[in-house]
Amino acid sequence: MQHPLADSLLKMGEGSVQWRTYHFQRLVDVYTTLEMRNRFGDDQNLDVDQVFDAIRDVTAEIHESAKDEIFEILYDDKYDIASIVVR
């Protein structure tokens, strides 16, 4: 939230497509980081290409799932985000 881009996008409104997209990408970054720590832990024999391949694979899986599961919520500017009920 302290990043200048986040501040500018938040001014567009919490329900804006731009804000939702930015927020989604930050969540992808966090999940990918956690997954890399889980996969590689303290492995001292890492190859940078191996890590980049794993990052690419994890983010591709997340984006594929998002396309199938939450695309409308993320990218439809007429979608009322406040209408989502969390149970």
PDB file of N, CA and C in Angstrom:
ATOM      1  N   MET A   1       0.818  -1.195   0.000  1.00  0.00           N
ATOM      2  CA  MET A   1       0.000   0.000   0.000  1.00  0.00           C
ATOM      3  C   MET A   1       0.862   1.260   0.000  1.00  0.00           C
ATOM      4  N   GLN A   2       2.130   1.146   0.341  1.00  0.00           N
ATOM      5  CA  GLN A   2       2.979   2.323   0.404  1.00  0.00           C
ATOM      6  C   GLN A   2       3.661   2.617  -0.932  1.00  0.00           C
ATOM      7  N   HIS A   3       3.550   1.709  -1.877  1.00  0.00           N
ATOM      8  CA  HIS A   3       4.156   1.912  -3.187  1.00  0.00           C
ATOM      9  C   HIS A   3       3.401   3.023  -3.924  1.00  0.00           C
ATOM     10  N   PRO A   4       4.103   3.923  -4.599  1.00  0.00           N
ATOM     11  CA  PRO A   4       3.418   5.017  -5.301  1.00  0.00           C
ATOM     12  C   PRO A   4       2.366   4.527  -6.308  1.00  0.00           C
ATOM     13  N   LEU A   5       2.632   3.412  -6.986  1.00  0.00           N
ATOM     14  CA  LEU A   5       1.650   2.881  -7.918  1.00  0.00           C
ATOM     15  C   LEU A   5       0.388   2.453  -7.188  1.00  0.00           C
ATOM     16  N   ALA A   6       0.535   1.785  -6.061  1.00  0.00           N
ATOM     17  CA  ALA A   6      -0.626   1.361  -5.272  1.00  0.00           C
ATOM     18  C   ALA A   6      -1.429   2.576  -4.829  1.00  0.00           C
ATOM     19  N   ASP A   7      -0.756   3.615  -4.403  1.00  0.00           N
ATOM     20  CA  ASP A   7      -1.439   4.826  -3.957  1.00  0.00           C
ATOM     21  C   ASP A   7      -2.238   5.444  -5.098  1.00  0.00           C
ATOM     22  N   SER A   8      -1.640   5.531  -6.264  1.00  0.00           N
ATOM     23  CA  SER A   8      -2.333   6.106  -7.420  1.00  0.00           C
ATOM     24  C   SER A   8      -3.525   5.258  -7.834  1.00  0.00           C
ATOM     25  N   LEU A   9      -3.347   3.945  -7.833  1.00  0.00           N
ATOM     26  CA  LEU A   9      -4.440   3.054  -8.235  1.00  0.00           C
ATOM     27  C   LEU A   9      -5.572   3.060  -7.213  1.00  0.00           C
ATOM     28  N   LEU A  10      -5.237   3.180  -5.948  1.00  0.00           N
ATOM     29  CA  LEU A  10      -6.263   3.222  -4.918  1.00  0.00           C
ATOM     30  C   LEU A  10      -7.137   4.466  -5.078  1.00  0.00           C
ATOM     31  N   LYS A  11      -6.548   5.543  -5.560  1.00  0.00           N
ATOM     32  CA  LYS A  11      -7.320   6.769  -5.802  1.00  0.00           C
ATOM     33  C   LYS A  11      -8.368   6.556  -6.900  1.00  0.00           C
ATOM     34  N   MET A  12      -8.158   5.547  -7.744  1.00  0.00           N
ATOM     35  CA  MET A  12      -9.130   5.234  -8.796  1.00  0.00           C
ATOM     36  C   MET A  12     -10.350   4.536  -8.201  1.00  0.00           C
ATOM     37  N   GLY A  13     -10.208   4.075  -6.978  1.00  0.00           N
ATOM     38  CA  GLY A  13     -11.309   3.419  -6.295  1.00  0.00           C
ATOM     39  C   GLY A  13     -11.028   1.958  -6.060  1.00  0.00           C
ATOM     40  N   GLU A  14     -11.444   1.478  -4.900  1.00  0.00           N
ATOM     41  CA  GLU A  14     -11.203   0.090  -4.527  1.00  0.00           C
ATOM     42  C   GLU A  14     -11.905  -0.893  -5.450  1.00  0.00           C
ATOM     43  N   GLY A  15     -12.949  -0.452  -6.119  1.00  0.00           N
ATOM     44  CA  GLY A  15     -13.674  -1.336  -7.017  1.00  0.00           C
ATOM     45  C   GLY A  15     -13.193  -1.276  -8.450  1.00  0.00           C
ATOM     46  N   SER A  16     -12.179  -0.462  -8.727  1.00  0.00           N
ATOM     47  CA  SER A  16     -11.719  -0.310 -10.111  1.00  0.00           C
ATOM     48  C   SER A  16     -10.986  -1.568 -10.588  1.00  0.00           C
ATOM     49  N   VAL A  17     -11.065  -1.793 -11.883  1.00  0.00           N
ATOM     50  CA  VAL A  17     -10.359  -2.925 -12.484  1.00  0.00           C
ATOM     51  C   VAL A  17      -8.861  -2.794 -12.238  1.00  0.00           C
ATOM     52  N   GLN A  18      -8.356  -1.580 -12.347  1.00  0.00           N
ATOM     53  CA  GLN A  18      -6.919  -1.364 -12.151  1.00  0.00           C
ATOM     54  C   GLN A  18      -6.488  -1.759 -10.752  1.00  0.00           C
ATOM     55  N   TRP A  19      -7.270  -1.385  -9.739  1.00  0.00           N
ATOM     56  CA  TRP A  19      -6.938  -1.725  -8.361  1.00  0.00           C
ATOM     57  C   TRP A  19      -7.016  -3.224  -8.147  1.00  0.00           C
ATOM     58  N   ARG A  20      -8.085  -3.850  -8.651  1.00  0.00           N
ATOM     59  CA  ARG A  20      -8.231  -5.302  -8.485  1.00  0.00           C
ATOM     60  C   ARG A  20      -7.095  -6.047  -9.167  1.00  0.00           C
ATOM     61  N   THR A  21      -6.709  -5.597 -10.354  1.00  0.00           N
ATOM     62  CA  THR A  21      -5.610  -6.234 -11.086  1.00  0.00           C
ATOM     63  C   THR A  21      -4.298  -6.106 -10.314  1.00  0.00           C
ATOM     64  N   TYR A  22      -4.022  -4.910  -9.814  1.00  0.00           N
ATOM     65  CA  TYR A  22      -2.808  -4.680  -9.033  1.00  0.00           C
ATOM     66  C   TYR A  22      -2.801  -5.565  -7.787  1.00  0.00           C
ATOM     67  N   HIS A  23      -3.918  -5.596  -7.090  1.00  0.00           N
ATOM     68  CA  HIS A  23      -4.038  -6.390  -5.870  1.00  0.00           C
ATOM     69  C   HIS A  23      -3.851  -7.883  -6.170  1.00  0.00           C
ATOM     70  N   PHE A  24      -4.468  -8.342  -7.232  1.00  0.00           N
ATOM     71  CA  PHE A  24      -4.328  -9.737  -7.631  1.00  0.00           C
ATOM     72  C   PHE A  24      -2.865 -10.070  -7.909  1.00  0.00           C
ATOM     73  N   GLN A  25      -2.168  -9.207  -8.631  1.00  0.00           N
ATOM     74  CA  GLN A  25      -0.770  -9.493  -8.955  1.00  0.00           C
ATOM     75  C   GLN A  25       0.088  -9.524  -7.698  1.00  0.00           C
ATOM     76  N   ARG A  26      -0.195  -8.677  -6.728  1.00  0.00           N
ATOM     77  CA  ARG A  26       0.560  -8.725  -5.468  1.00  0.00           C
ATOM     78  C   ARG A  26       0.328 -10.057  -4.766  1.00  0.00           C
ATOM     79  N   LEU A  27      -0.919 -10.557  -4.800  1.00  0.00           N
ATOM     80  CA  LEU A  27      -1.213 -11.862  -4.192  1.00  0.00           C
ATOM     81  C   LEU A  27      -0.474 -12.980  -4.921  1.00  0.00           C
ATOM     82  N   VAL A  28      -0.402 -12.878  -6.245  1.00  0.00           N
ATOM     83  CA  VAL A  28       0.364 -13.862  -7.026  1.00  0.00           C
ATOM     84  C   VAL A  28       1.826 -13.825  -6.593  1.00  0.00           C
ATOM     85  N   ASP A  29       2.376 -12.633  -6.415  1.00  0.00           N
ATOM     86  CA  ASP A  29       3.772 -12.497  -5.984  1.00  0.00           C
ATOM     87  C   ASP A  29       4.004 -13.155  -4.624  1.00  0.00           C
ATOM     88  N   VAL A  30       3.104 -12.909  -3.687  1.00  0.00           N
ATOM     89  CA  VAL A  30       3.241 -13.489  -2.346  1.00  0.00           C
ATOM     90  C   VAL A  30       3.152 -15.008  -2.407  1.00  0.00           C
ATOM     91  N   TYR A  31       2.147 -15.534  -3.100  1.00  0.00           N
ATOM     92  CA  TYR A  31       1.999 -16.984  -3.191  1.00  0.00           C
ATOM     93  C   TYR A  31       3.216 -17.613  -3.863  1.00  0.00           C
ATOM     94  N   THR A  32       3.697 -16.984  -4.925  1.00  0.00           N
ATOM     95  CA  THR A  32       4.861 -17.516  -5.642  1.00  0.00           C
ATOM     96  C   THR A  32       6.088 -17.528  -4.738  1.00  0.00           C
ATOM     97  N   THR A  33       6.294 -16.471  -3.982  1.00  0.00           N
ATOM     98  CA  THR A  33       7.432 -16.421  -3.055  1.00  0.00           C
ATOM     99  C   THR A  33       7.338 -17.532  -2.015  1.00  0.00           C
ATOM    100  N   LEU A  34       6.153 -17.700  -1.439  1.00  0.00           N
ATOM    101  CA  LEU A  34       5.970 -18.764  -0.446  1.00  0.00           C
ATOM    102  C   LEU A  34       6.206 -20.141  -1.059  1.00  0.00           C
ATOM    103  N   GLU A  35       5.715 -20.331  -2.271  1.00  0.00           N
ATOM    104  CA  GLU A  35       5.899 -21.620  -2.936  1.00  0.00           C
ATOM    105  C   GLU A  35       7.378 -21.877  -3.238  1.00  0.00           C
ATOM    106  N   MET A  36       8.127 -20.849  -3.622  1.00  0.00           N
ATOM    107  CA  MET A  36       9.562 -21.023  -3.901  1.00  0.00           C
ATOM    108  C   MET A  36      10.300 -21.402  -2.615  1.00  0.00           C
ATOM    109  N   ARG A  37       9.940 -20.766  -1.511  1.00  0.00           N
ATOM    110  CA  ARG A  37      10.566 -21.123  -0.227  1.00  0.00           C
ATOM    111  C   ARG A  37      10.236 -22.557   0.152  1.00  0.00           C
ATOM    112  N   ASN A  38       9.005 -22.965  -0.098  1.00  0.00           N
ATOM    113  CA  ASN A  38       8.578 -24.324   0.209  1.00  0.00           C
ATOM    114  C   ASN A  38       9.312 -25.345  -0.660  1.00  0.00           C
ATOM    115  N   ARG A  39       9.431 -25.060  -1.932  1.00  0.00           N
ATOM    116  CA  ARG A  39      10.078 -26.001  -2.861  1.00  0.00           C
ATOM    117  C   ARG A  39      11.569 -26.105  -2.652  1.00  0.00           C
ATOM    118  N   PHE A  40      12.216 -24.958  -2.443  1.00  0.00           N
ATOM    119  CA  PHE A  40      13.672 -24.956  -2.448  1.00  0.00           C
ATOM    120  C   PHE A  40      14.293 -24.791  -1.076  1.00  0.00           C
ATOM    121  N   GLY A  41      13.556 -24.244  -0.130  1.00  0.00           N
ATOM    122  CA  GLY A  41      14.043 -24.132   1.238  1.00  0.00           C
ATOM    123  C   GLY A  41      15.475 -23.663   1.337  1.00  0.00           C
ATOM    124  N   ASP A  42      16.284 -24.487   1.951  1.00  0.00           N
ATOM    125  CA  ASP A  42      17.689 -24.149   2.165  1.00  0.00           C
ATOM    126  C   ASP A  42      18.609 -24.832   1.172  1.00  0.00           C
ATOM    127  N   ASP A  43      18.083 -25.238   0.040  1.00  0.00           N
ATOM    128  CA  ASP A  43      18.874 -25.918  -0.987  1.00  0.00           C
ATOM    129  C   ASP A  43      20.038 -25.032  -1.436  1.00  0.00           C
ATOM    130  N   GLN A  44      21.248 -25.504  -1.227  1.00  0.00           N
ATOM    131  CA  GLN A  44      22.444 -24.744  -1.585  1.00  0.00           C
ATOM    132  C   GLN A  44      22.907 -25.015  -3.013  1.00  0.00           C
ATOM    133  N   ASN A  45      22.219 -25.920  -3.715  1.00  0.00           N
ATOM    134  CA  ASN A  45      22.636 -26.307  -5.066  1.00  0.00           C
ATOM    135  C   ASN A  45      21.650 -25.835  -6.125  1.00  0.00           C
ATOM    136  N   LEU A  46      21.163 -24.625  -5.966  1.00  0.00           N
ATOM    137  CA  LEU A  46      20.172 -24.103  -6.895  1.00  0.00           C
ATOM    138  C   LEU A  46      20.819 -23.540  -8.149  1.00  0.00           C
ATOM    139  N   ASP A  47      20.129 -23.753  -9.236  1.00  0.00           N
ATOM    140  CA  ASP A  47      20.497 -23.168 -10.513  1.00  0.00           C
ATOM    141  C   ASP A  47      19.468 -22.068 -10.786  1.00  0.00           C
ATOM    142  N   VAL A  48      19.919 -20.891 -11.170  1.00  0.00           N
ATOM    143  CA  VAL A  48      19.001 -19.769 -11.369  1.00  0.00           C
ATOM    144  C   VAL A  48      17.924 -20.112 -12.400  1.00  0.00           C
ATOM    145  N   ASP A  49      18.273 -20.862 -13.429  1.00  0.00           N
ATOM    146  CA  ASP A  49      17.278 -21.255 -14.426  1.00  0.00           C
ATOM    147  C   ASP A  49      16.210 -22.167 -13.820  1.00  0.00           C
ATOM    148  N   GLN A  50      16.615 -22.998 -12.905  1.00  0.00           N
ATOM    149  CA  GLN A  50      15.666 -23.874 -12.218  1.00  0.00           C
ATOM    150  C   GLN A  50      14.654 -23.048 -11.429  1.00  0.00           C
ATOM    151  N   VAL A  51      15.125 -22.029 -10.750  1.00  0.00           N
ATOM    152  CA  VAL A  51      14.240 -21.163  -9.970  1.00  0.00           C
ATOM    153  C   VAL A  51      13.313 -20.380 -10.897  1.00  0.00           C
ATOM    154  N   PHE A  52      13.864 -19.790 -11.951  1.00  0.00           N
ATOM    155  CA  PHE A  52      13.030 -19.046 -12.895  1.00  0.00           C
ATOM    156  C   PHE A  52      11.978 -19.936 -13.552  1.00  0.00           C
ATOM    157  N   ASP A  53      12.343 -21.161 -13.872  1.00  0.00           N
ATOM    158  CA  ASP A  53      11.368 -22.098 -14.438  1.00  0.00           C
ATOM    159  C   ASP A  53      10.247 -22.391 -13.444  1.00  0.00           C
ATOM    160  N   ALA A  54      10.601 -22.566 -12.191  1.00  0.00           N
ATOM    161  CA  ALA A  54       9.594 -22.840 -11.161  1.00  0.00           C
ATOM    162  C   ALA A  54       8.679 -21.629 -10.964  1.00  0.00           C
ATOM    163  N   ILE A  55       9.255 -20.438 -10.947  1.00  0.00           N
ATOM    164  CA  ILE A  55       8.446 -19.218 -10.820  1.00  0.00           C
ATOM    165  C   ILE A  55       7.481 -19.117 -11.987  1.00  0.00           C
ATOM    166  N   ARG A  56       7.977 -19.334 -13.185  1.00  0.00           N
ATOM    167  CA  ARG A  56       7.123 -19.268 -14.374  1.00  0.00           C
ATOM    168  C   ARG A  56       5.988 -20.284 -14.286  1.00  0.00           C
ATOM    169  N   ASP A  57       6.303 -21.500 -13.863  1.00  0.00           N
ATOM    170  CA  ASP A  57       5.286 -22.549 -13.768  1.00  0.00           C
ATOM    171  C   ASP A  57       4.210 -22.216 -12.735  1.00  0.00           C
ATOM    172  N   VAL A  58       4.638 -21.744 -11.571  1.00  0.00           N
ATOM    173  CA  VAL A  58       3.682 -21.419 -10.504  1.00  0.00           C
ATOM    174  C   VAL A  58       2.786 -20.259 -10.932  1.00  0.00           C
ATOM    175  N   THR A  59       3.361 -19.199 -11.473  1.00  0.00           N
ATOM    176  CA  THR A  59       2.538 -18.060 -11.881  1.00  0.00           C
ATOM    177  C   THR A  59       1.615 -18.434 -13.029  1.00  0.00           C
ATOM    178  N   ALA A  60       2.064 -19.278 -13.923  1.00  0.00           N
ATOM    179  CA  ALA A  60       1.193 -19.727 -15.024  1.00  0.00           C
ATOM    180  C   ALA A  60      -0.005 -20.506 -14.478  1.00  0.00           C
ATOM    181  N   GLU A  61       0.229 -21.354 -13.494  1.00  0.00           N
ATOM    182  CA  GLU A  61      -0.874 -22.113 -12.884  1.00  0.00           C
ATOM    183  C   GLU A  61      -1.878 -21.171 -12.212  1.00  0.00           C
ATOM    184  N   ILE A  62      -1.378 -20.180 -11.510  1.00  0.00           N
ATOM    185  CA  ILE A  62      -2.264 -19.232 -10.828  1.00  0.00           C
ATOM    186  C   ILE A  62      -3.082 -18.446 -11.843  1.00  0.00           C
ATOM    187  N   HIS A  63      -2.422 -17.961 -12.882  1.00  0.00           N
ATOM    188  CA  HIS A  63      -3.140 -17.183 -13.895  1.00  0.00           C
ATOM    189  C   HIS A  63      -4.153 -18.041 -14.644  1.00  0.00           C
ATOM    190  N   GLU A  64      -3.838 -19.268 -14.889  1.00  0.00           N
ATOM    191  CA  GLU A  64      -4.792 -20.171 -15.554  1.00  0.00           C
ATOM    192  C   GLU A  64      -6.016 -20.385 -14.668  1.00  0.00           C
ATOM    193  N   SER A  65      -5.790 -20.607 -13.396  1.00  0.00           N
ATOM    194  CA  SER A  65      -6.914 -20.775 -12.470  1.00  0.00           C
ATOM    195  C   SER A  65      -7.744 -19.500 -12.389  1.00  0.00           C
ATOM    196  N   ALA A  66      -7.084 -18.359 -12.362  1.00  0.00           N
ATOM    197  CA  ALA A  66      -7.801 -17.087 -12.290  1.00  0.00           C
ATOM    198  C   ALA A  66      -8.675 -16.890 -13.524  1.00  0.00           C
ATOM    199  N   LYS A  67      -8.153 -17.276 -14.674  1.00  0.00           N
ATOM    200  CA  LYS A  67      -8.929 -17.145 -15.909  1.00  0.00           C
ATOM    201  C   LYS A  67     -10.214 -17.944 -15.811  1.00  0.00           C
ATOM    202  N   ASP A  68     -10.131 -19.100 -15.238  1.00  0.00           N
ATOM    203  CA  ASP A  68     -11.293 -19.978 -15.132  1.00  0.00           C
ATOM    204  C   ASP A  68     -12.200 -19.626 -13.951  1.00  0.00           C
ATOM    205  N   GLU A  69     -11.645 -19.105 -12.878  1.00  0.00           N
ATOM    206  CA  GLU A  69     -12.408 -18.964 -11.641  1.00  0.00           C
ATOM    207  C   GLU A  69     -12.805 -17.535 -11.273  1.00  0.00           C
ATOM    208  N   ILE A  70     -11.955 -16.562 -11.545  1.00  0.00           N
ATOM    209  CA  ILE A  70     -12.266 -15.209 -11.062  1.00  0.00           C
ATOM    210  C   ILE A  70     -12.076 -14.121 -12.113  1.00  0.00           C
ATOM    211  N   PHE A  71     -12.005 -14.486 -13.376  1.00  0.00           N
ATOM    212  CA  PHE A  71     -11.767 -13.509 -14.441  1.00  0.00           C
ATOM    213  C   PHE A  71     -12.792 -12.376 -14.395  1.00  0.00           C
ATOM    214  N   GLU A  72     -14.057 -12.724 -14.277  1.00  0.00           N
ATOM    215  CA  GLU A  72     -15.116 -11.719 -14.269  1.00  0.00           C
ATOM    216  C   GLU A  72     -14.951 -10.737 -13.112  1.00  0.00           C
ATOM    217  N   ILE A  73     -14.610 -11.259 -11.960  1.00  0.00           N
ATOM    218  CA  ILE A  73     -14.436 -10.397 -10.787  1.00  0.00           C
ATOM    219  C   ILE A  73     -13.267  -9.433 -10.988  1.00  0.00           C
ATOM    220  N   LEU A  74     -12.187  -9.927 -11.586  1.00  0.00           N
ATOM    221  CA  LEU A  74     -11.007  -9.094 -11.762  1.00  0.00           C
ATOM    222  C   LEU A  74     -11.166  -8.044 -12.850  1.00  0.00           C
ATOM    223  N   TYR A  75     -11.761  -8.425 -13.978  1.00  0.00           N
ATOM    224  CA  TYR A  75     -11.646  -7.569 -15.161  1.00  0.00           C
ATOM    225  C   TYR A  75     -12.936  -6.953 -15.684  1.00  0.00           C
ATOM    226  N   ASP A  76     -14.070  -7.275 -15.125  1.00  0.00           N
ATOM    227  CA  ASP A  76     -15.306  -6.649 -15.569  1.00  0.00           C
ATOM    228  C   ASP A  76     -15.523  -5.381 -14.752  1.00  0.00           C
ATOM    229  N   ASP A  77     -15.387  -4.225 -15.413  1.00  0.00           N
ATOM    230  CA  ASP A  77     -15.490  -2.965 -14.669  1.00  0.00           C
ATOM    231  C   ASP A  77     -16.897  -2.677 -14.160  1.00  0.00           C
ATOM    232  N   LYS A  78     -17.857  -3.446 -14.603  1.00  0.00           N
ATOM    233  CA  LYS A  78     -19.224  -3.268 -14.119  1.00  0.00           C
ATOM    234  C   LYS A  78     -19.537  -4.207 -12.944  1.00  0.00           C
ATOM    235  N   TYR A  79     -18.584  -5.082 -12.624  1.00  0.00           N
ATOM    236  CA  TYR A  79     -18.796  -6.027 -11.534  1.00  0.00           C
ATOM    237  C   TYR A  79     -18.758  -5.282 -10.204  1.00  0.00           C
ATOM    238  N   ASP A  80     -19.764  -5.500  -9.400  1.00  0.00           N
ATOM    239  CA  ASP A  80     -19.847  -4.846  -8.094  1.00  0.00           C
ATOM    240  C   ASP A  80     -19.112  -5.702  -7.062  1.00  0.00           C
ATOM    241  N   ILE A  81     -17.906  -5.326  -6.765  1.00  0.00           N
ATOM    242  CA  ILE A  81     -17.065  -6.097  -5.851  1.00  0.00           C
ATOM    243  C   ILE A  81     -17.684  -6.151  -4.450  1.00  0.00           C
ATOM    244  N   ALA A  82     -18.448  -5.143  -4.098  1.00  0.00           N
ATOM    245  CA  ALA A  82     -19.080  -5.113  -2.773  1.00  0.00           C
ATOM    246  C   ALA A  82     -20.184  -6.161  -2.661  1.00  0.00           C
ATOM    247  N   SER A  83     -20.630  -6.708  -3.786  1.00  0.00           N
ATOM    248  CA  SER A  83     -21.708  -7.690  -3.749  1.00  0.00           C
ATOM    249  C   SER A  83     -21.226  -9.091  -3.384  1.00  0.00           C
ATOM    250  N   ILE A  84     -19.913  -9.274  -3.317  1.00  0.00           N
ATOM    251  CA  ILE A  84     -19.358 -10.574  -2.978  1.00  0.00           C
ATOM    252  C   ILE A  84     -19.603 -10.859  -1.502  1.00  0.00           C
ATOM    253  N   VAL A  85     -20.178 -11.977  -1.227  1.00  0.00           N
ATOM    254  CA  VAL A  85     -20.448 -12.381   0.154  1.00  0.00           C
ATOM    255  C   VAL A  85     -19.461 -13.483   0.512  1.00  0.00           C
ATOM    256  N   VAL A  86     -18.673 -13.253   1.532  1.00  0.00           N
ATOM    257  CA  VAL A  86     -17.701 -14.235   2.004  1.00  0.00           C
ATOM    258  C   VAL A  86     -18.345 -15.004   3.145  1.00  0.00           C
ATOM    259  N   ARG A  87     -18.348 -16.313   3.006  1.00  0.00           N
ATOM    260  CA  ARG A  87     -18.962 -17.156   4.046  1.00  0.00           C
ATOM    261  C   ARG A  87     -17.928 -18.000   4.722  1.00  0.00           C
TER     262      ARG A  87
END
